[in-house]
Structures are given as C-alpha cells and as structure tokens.
Amino acid sequence: MQDNKILCSKRTQAVAATAAVVVLYVVLENLGITCPIKFFTGISCAGCGMSRAWLSVLRLDMAGAFRYHPLFFLPPVVLVVILLKSKINIKIYKIFMFTIVAAFVIVYMYRMIWGEGDIVVFKPRDSIIWRIIKSL
C-alpha cells in the first residue's frame, strides 16, 4: 500500500513539474521571451523550435512541426516512460533515456552546424548577458 502511495506521489510530482514548465513558458512567451536560454545566452537550446512545432501540430501542419523540431513527438513519449519507470526493466529504461538524449544532441549539433533559417542560432552578441557586460 505504501509503495502505491509513493508511486502515485511521484506521478503527481512529474505531472505537476510538467505543468509548471508549460505555465512558465506561456508566461515567458507573453513577456516576449520565447526561449529563456536563447534570451540569456544568445545560443539556441537543444529543444529550440519545440513550442512552435507543437503549435504547428495543433494546426495539423505536420511538415511545419518537423521543420521547427524533428523530435517534437518525443517529449510526451519520454513523459509516459518516466511515469511508467517502475514497470520497465531498469536496463531498458536507461538505454531508452540515453538514446533519447543522444538523438537530441545529434539533431542539435546538426541544426547548429548545418541548419538553415533562424530556428537554431548561435548569436551570443544578441543575448541579455552580452548587453549587460557591454554596458559595464
């Protein structure tokens, strides 16, 4: 019985944390900060384009979703796997998570080096940190 309470508590915490991240991004978006990492550093993160990809999905524009971020479909899968972690063999779980991280790193590096457009950028001089240091 105690194990079920702990498992339920962990699931609730995972769902709450996910909801908190979504709310934070909605608030930041309304403040004009589309990506906090890019805002502070001027460098896109590995998830850059993910929000726009999901907005494309909501418009049923799958080509646009893949253009914004080719791995947009993975975060919900990862969330489900995390919620079901206790029912999955730990070795398979670790291999799965490593594979997901590796996929994001590979896609990020590819987009950073050979990517087209303005979705993934490396512009440290556009960051708030650069502007603060420059003003000092």
C-alpha atoms as a PDB file:
ATOM      1  CA  MET A   1       0.000   0.000   0.000  1.00  0.00           C
ATOM      2  CA  GLN A   2       2.826   2.364   0.903  1.00  0.00           C
ATOM      3  CA  ASP A   3       4.531   1.674  -2.461  1.00  0.00           C
ATOM      4  CA  ASN A   4       1.351   2.682  -4.319  1.00  0.00           C
ATOM      5  CA  LYS A   5       1.214   5.977  -2.393  1.00  0.00           C
ATOM      6  CA  ILE A   6       4.856   6.708  -3.214  1.00  0.00           C
ATOM      7  CA  LEU A   7       4.329   5.819  -6.882  1.00  0.00           C
ATOM      8  CA  CYS A   8       1.196   7.966  -7.059  1.00  0.00           C
ATOM      9  CA  SER A   9       3.076  10.822  -5.376  1.00  0.00           C
ATOM     10  CA  LYS A  10       5.941  10.571  -7.893  1.00  0.00           C
ATOM     11  CA  ARG A  11       3.491  10.567 -10.799  1.00  0.00           C
ATOM     12  CA  THR A  12       1.715  13.591  -9.362  1.00  0.00           C
ATOM     13  CA  GLN A  13       5.060  15.352  -8.972  1.00  0.00           C
ATOM     14  CA  ALA A  14       6.035  14.546 -12.577  1.00  0.00           C
ATOM     15  CA  VAL A  15       2.727  15.839 -13.916  1.00  0.00           C
ATOM     16  CA  ALA A  16       2.941  18.939 -11.695  1.00  0.00           C
ATOM     17  CA  ALA A  17       6.508  19.642 -12.822  1.00  0.00           C
ATOM     18  CA  THR A  18       5.493  19.303 -16.474  1.00  0.00           C
ATOM     19  CA  ALA A  19       2.532  21.625 -15.931  1.00  0.00           C
ATOM     20  CA  ALA A  20       4.795  24.139 -14.159  1.00  0.00           C
ATOM     21  CA  VAL A  21       7.218  24.168 -17.101  1.00  0.00           C
ATOM     22  CA  VAL A  22       4.355  24.701 -19.548  1.00  0.00           C
ATOM     23  CA  VAL A  23       2.937  27.564 -17.444  1.00  0.00           C
ATOM     24  CA  LEU A  24       6.403  29.133 -17.124  1.00  0.00           C
ATOM     25  CA  TYR A  25       6.910  29.048 -20.888  1.00  0.00           C
ATOM     26  CA  VAL A  26       3.460  30.543 -21.507  1.00  0.00           C
ATOM     27  CA  VAL A  27       4.240  33.389 -19.084  1.00  0.00           C
ATOM     28  CA  LEU A  28       7.676  33.989 -20.645  1.00  0.00           C
ATOM     29  CA  GLU A  29       6.157  33.881 -24.142  1.00  0.00           C
ATOM     30  CA  ASN A  30       3.686  36.581 -23.116  1.00  0.00           C
ATOM     31  CA  LEU A  31       6.606  38.681 -21.858  1.00  0.00           C
ATOM     32  CA  GLY A  32       8.270  38.362 -25.275  1.00  0.00           C
ATOM     33  CA  ILE A  33      10.883  35.839 -24.132  1.00  0.00           C
ATOM     34  CA  THR A  34      10.367  32.916 -26.476  1.00  0.00           C
ATOM     35  CA  CYS A  35      13.316  30.930 -25.146  1.00  0.00           C
ATOM     36  CA  PRO A  36      14.962  31.783 -21.821  1.00  0.00           C
ATOM     37  CA  ILE A  37      18.217  30.084 -22.788  1.00  0.00           C
ATOM     38  CA  LYS A  38      18.483  31.992 -26.064  1.00  0.00           C
ATOM     39  CA  PHE A  39      17.393  35.195 -24.292  1.00  0.00           C
ATOM     40  CA  PHE A  40      20.204  34.948 -21.739  1.00  0.00           C
ATOM     41  CA  THR A  41      22.975  33.377 -23.863  1.00  0.00           C
ATOM     42  CA  GLY A  42      22.091  34.113 -27.493  1.00  0.00           C
ATOM     43  CA  ILE A  43      22.525  30.422 -28.231  1.00  0.00           C
ATOM     44  CA  SER A  44      19.602  28.158 -29.047  1.00  0.00           C
ATOM     45  CA  CYS A  45      18.990  25.148 -26.852  1.00  0.00           C
ATOM     46  CA  ALA A  46      18.523  21.556 -27.990  1.00  0.00           C
ATOM     47  CA  GLY A  47      14.760  21.958 -27.724  1.00  0.00           C
ATOM     48  CA  CYS A  48      14.619  25.131 -29.764  1.00  0.00           C
ATOM     49  CA  GLY A  49      11.581  25.133 -32.024  1.00  0.00           C
ATOM     50  CA  MET A  50       9.684  22.637 -29.873  1.00  0.00           C
ATOM     51  CA  SER A  51       6.905  25.071 -28.884  1.00  0.00           C
ATOM     52  CA  ARG A  52       6.455  26.204 -32.468  1.00  0.00           C
ATOM     53  CA  ALA A  53       6.431  22.568 -33.572  1.00  0.00           C
ATOM     54  CA  TRP A  54       3.583  21.749 -31.176  1.00  0.00           C
ATOM     55  CA  LEU A  55       1.678  24.845 -32.289  1.00  0.00           C
ATOM     56  CA  SER A  56       2.056  23.517 -35.839  1.00  0.00           C
ATOM     57  CA  VAL A  57       0.694  20.147 -34.708  1.00  0.00           C
ATOM     58  CA  LEU A  58      -2.344  21.916 -33.254  1.00  0.00           C
ATOM     59  CA  ARG A  59      -2.879  23.485 -36.695  1.00  0.00           C
ATOM     60  CA  LEU A  60      -2.429  19.994 -38.225  1.00  0.00           C
ATOM     61  CA  ASP A  61       0.694  21.203 -40.047  1.00  0.00           C
ATOM     62  CA  MET A  62       2.949  18.174 -39.569  1.00  0.00           C
ATOM     63  CA  ALA A  63       5.517  19.358 -42.135  1.00  0.00           C
ATOM     64  CA  GLY A  64       5.855  22.617 -40.219  1.00  0.00           C
ATOM     65  CA  ALA A  65       6.183  20.718 -36.954  1.00  0.00           C
ATOM     66  CA  PHE A  66       9.069  18.630 -38.321  1.00  0.00           C
ATOM     67  CA  ARG A  67      10.687  21.760 -39.752  1.00  0.00           C
ATOM     68  CA  TYR A  68      10.606  23.505 -36.361  1.00  0.00           C
ATOM     69  CA  HIS A  69      11.913  20.466 -34.483  1.00  0.00           C
ATOM     70  CA  PRO A  70      12.213  16.970 -35.949  1.00  0.00           C
ATOM     71  CA  LEU A  71      11.978  15.347 -32.497  1.00  0.00           C
ATOM     72  CA  PHE A  72       8.873  17.227 -31.340  1.00  0.00           C
ATOM     73  CA  PHE A  73       6.981  13.962 -30.771  1.00  0.00           C
ATOM     74  CA  LEU A  74       9.469  12.595 -28.208  1.00  0.00           C
ATOM     75  CA  PRO A  75       8.765  14.650 -25.034  1.00  0.00           C
ATOM     76  CA  PRO A  76       5.298  13.120 -24.489  1.00  0.00           C
ATOM     77  CA  VAL A  77       6.794   9.652 -25.049  1.00  0.00           C
ATOM     78  CA  VAL A  78       9.542  10.398 -22.527  1.00  0.00           C
ATOM     79  CA  LEU A  79       6.969  11.640 -20.010  1.00  0.00           C
ATOM     80  CA  VAL A  80       4.976   8.406 -20.349  1.00  0.00           C
ATOM     81  CA  VAL A  81       8.143   6.325 -19.969  1.00  0.00           C
ATOM     82  CA  ILE A  82       9.113   8.290 -16.853  1.00  0.00           C
ATOM     83  CA  LEU A  83       5.648   7.786 -15.390  1.00  0.00           C
ATOM     84  CA  LEU A  84       5.893   4.044 -16.095  1.00  0.00           C
ATOM     85  CA  LYS A  85       9.506   3.724 -14.951  1.00  0.00           C
ATOM     86  CA  SER A  86       8.654   1.322 -12.130  1.00  0.00           C
ATOM     87  CA  LYS A  87       7.107  -1.103 -14.626  1.00  0.00           C
ATOM     88  CA  ILE A  88      10.060  -1.031 -17.065  1.00  0.00           C
ATOM     89  CA  ASN A  89      13.276  -3.012 -16.778  1.00  0.00           C
ATOM     90  CA  ILE A  90      15.896  -0.536 -15.496  1.00  0.00           C
ATOM     91  CA  LYS A  91      18.398  -1.521 -18.187  1.00  0.00           C
ATOM     92  CA  ILE A  92      15.845  -0.884 -20.952  1.00  0.00           C
ATOM     93  CA  TYR A  93      14.865   2.385 -19.269  1.00  0.00           C
ATOM     94  CA  LYS A  94      18.481   3.589 -19.173  1.00  0.00           C
ATOM     95  CA  ILE A  95      19.104   2.571 -22.800  1.00  0.00           C
ATOM     96  CA  PHE A  96      15.911   4.372 -23.850  1.00  0.00           C
ATOM     97  CA  MET A  97      16.826   7.579 -21.993  1.00  0.00           C
ATOM     98  CA  PHE A  98      20.409   7.513 -23.303  1.00  0.00           C
ATOM     99  CA  THR A  99      19.088   7.049 -26.843  1.00  0.00           C
ATOM    100  CA  ILE A 100      16.712   9.998 -26.463  1.00  0.00           C
ATOM    101  CA  VAL A 101      19.479  12.253 -25.113  1.00  0.00           C
ATOM    102  CA  ALA A 102      21.814  11.124 -27.909  1.00  0.00           C
ATOM    103  CA  ALA A 103      19.128  11.827 -30.522  1.00  0.00           C
ATOM    104  CA  PHE A 104      18.631  15.353 -29.175  1.00  0.00           C
ATOM    105  CA  VAL A 105      22.396  16.007 -29.100  1.00  0.00           C
ATOM    106  CA  ILE A 106      22.858  14.735 -32.665  1.00  0.00           C
ATOM    107  CA  VAL A 107      19.921  16.731 -34.011  1.00  0.00           C
ATOM    108  CA  TYR A 108      21.079  19.828 -32.088  1.00  0.00           C
ATOM    109  CA  MET A 109      24.630  19.604 -33.432  1.00  0.00           C
ATOM    110  CA  TYR A 110      23.371  19.056 -36.974  1.00  0.00           C
ATOM    111  CA  ARG A 111      20.981  22.005 -36.746  1.00  0.00           C
ATOM    112  CA  MET A 112      23.641  24.219 -35.164  1.00  0.00           C
ATOM    113  CA  ILE A 113      26.294  23.438 -37.791  1.00  0.00           C
ATOM    114  CA  TRP A 114      24.323  22.833 -40.991  1.00  0.00           C
ATOM    115  CA  GLY A 115      20.847  24.052 -40.125  1.00  0.00           C
ATOM    116  CA  GLU A 116      19.069  26.608 -42.212  1.00  0.00           C
ATOM    117  CA  GLY A 117      16.974  29.527 -41.117  1.00  0.00           C
ATOM    118  CA  ASP A 118      16.617  31.220 -37.799  1.00  0.00           C
ATOM    119  CA  ILE A 119      15.251  28.403 -35.654  1.00  0.00           C
ATOM    120  CA  VAL A 120      18.594  27.359 -34.165  1.00  0.00           C
ATOM    121  CA  VAL A 121      21.097  30.199 -33.864  1.00  0.00           C
ATOM    122  CA  PHE A 122      24.465  30.988 -32.353  1.00  0.00           C
ATOM    123  CA  LYS A 123      24.375  34.743 -31.683  1.00  0.00           C
ATOM    124  CA  PRO A 124      25.897  35.443 -28.256  1.00  0.00           C
ATOM    125  CA  ARG A 125      26.009  39.167 -29.042  1.00  0.00           C
ATOM    126  CA  ASP A 126      22.206  39.215 -29.112  1.00  0.00           C
ATOM    127  CA  SER A 127      21.971  37.932 -25.529  1.00  0.00           C
ATOM    128  CA  ILE A 128      20.992  39.900 -22.464  1.00  0.00           C
ATOM    129  CA  ILE A 129      24.236  38.790 -20.775  1.00  0.00           C
ATOM    130  CA  TRP A 130      26.315  40.300 -23.608  1.00  0.00           C
ATOM    131  CA  ARG A 131      24.361  43.559 -23.395  1.00  0.00           C
ATOM    132  CA  ILE A 132      24.862  43.753 -19.623  1.00  0.00           C
ATOM    133  CA  ILE A 133      28.595  43.076 -19.887  1.00  0.00           C
ATOM    134  CA  LYS A 134      28.922  45.572 -22.741  1.00  0.00           C
ATOM    135  CA  SER A 135      27.158  48.279 -20.728  1.00  0.00           C
ATOM    136  CA  LEU A 136      29.551  47.801 -17.796  1.00  0.00           C
END
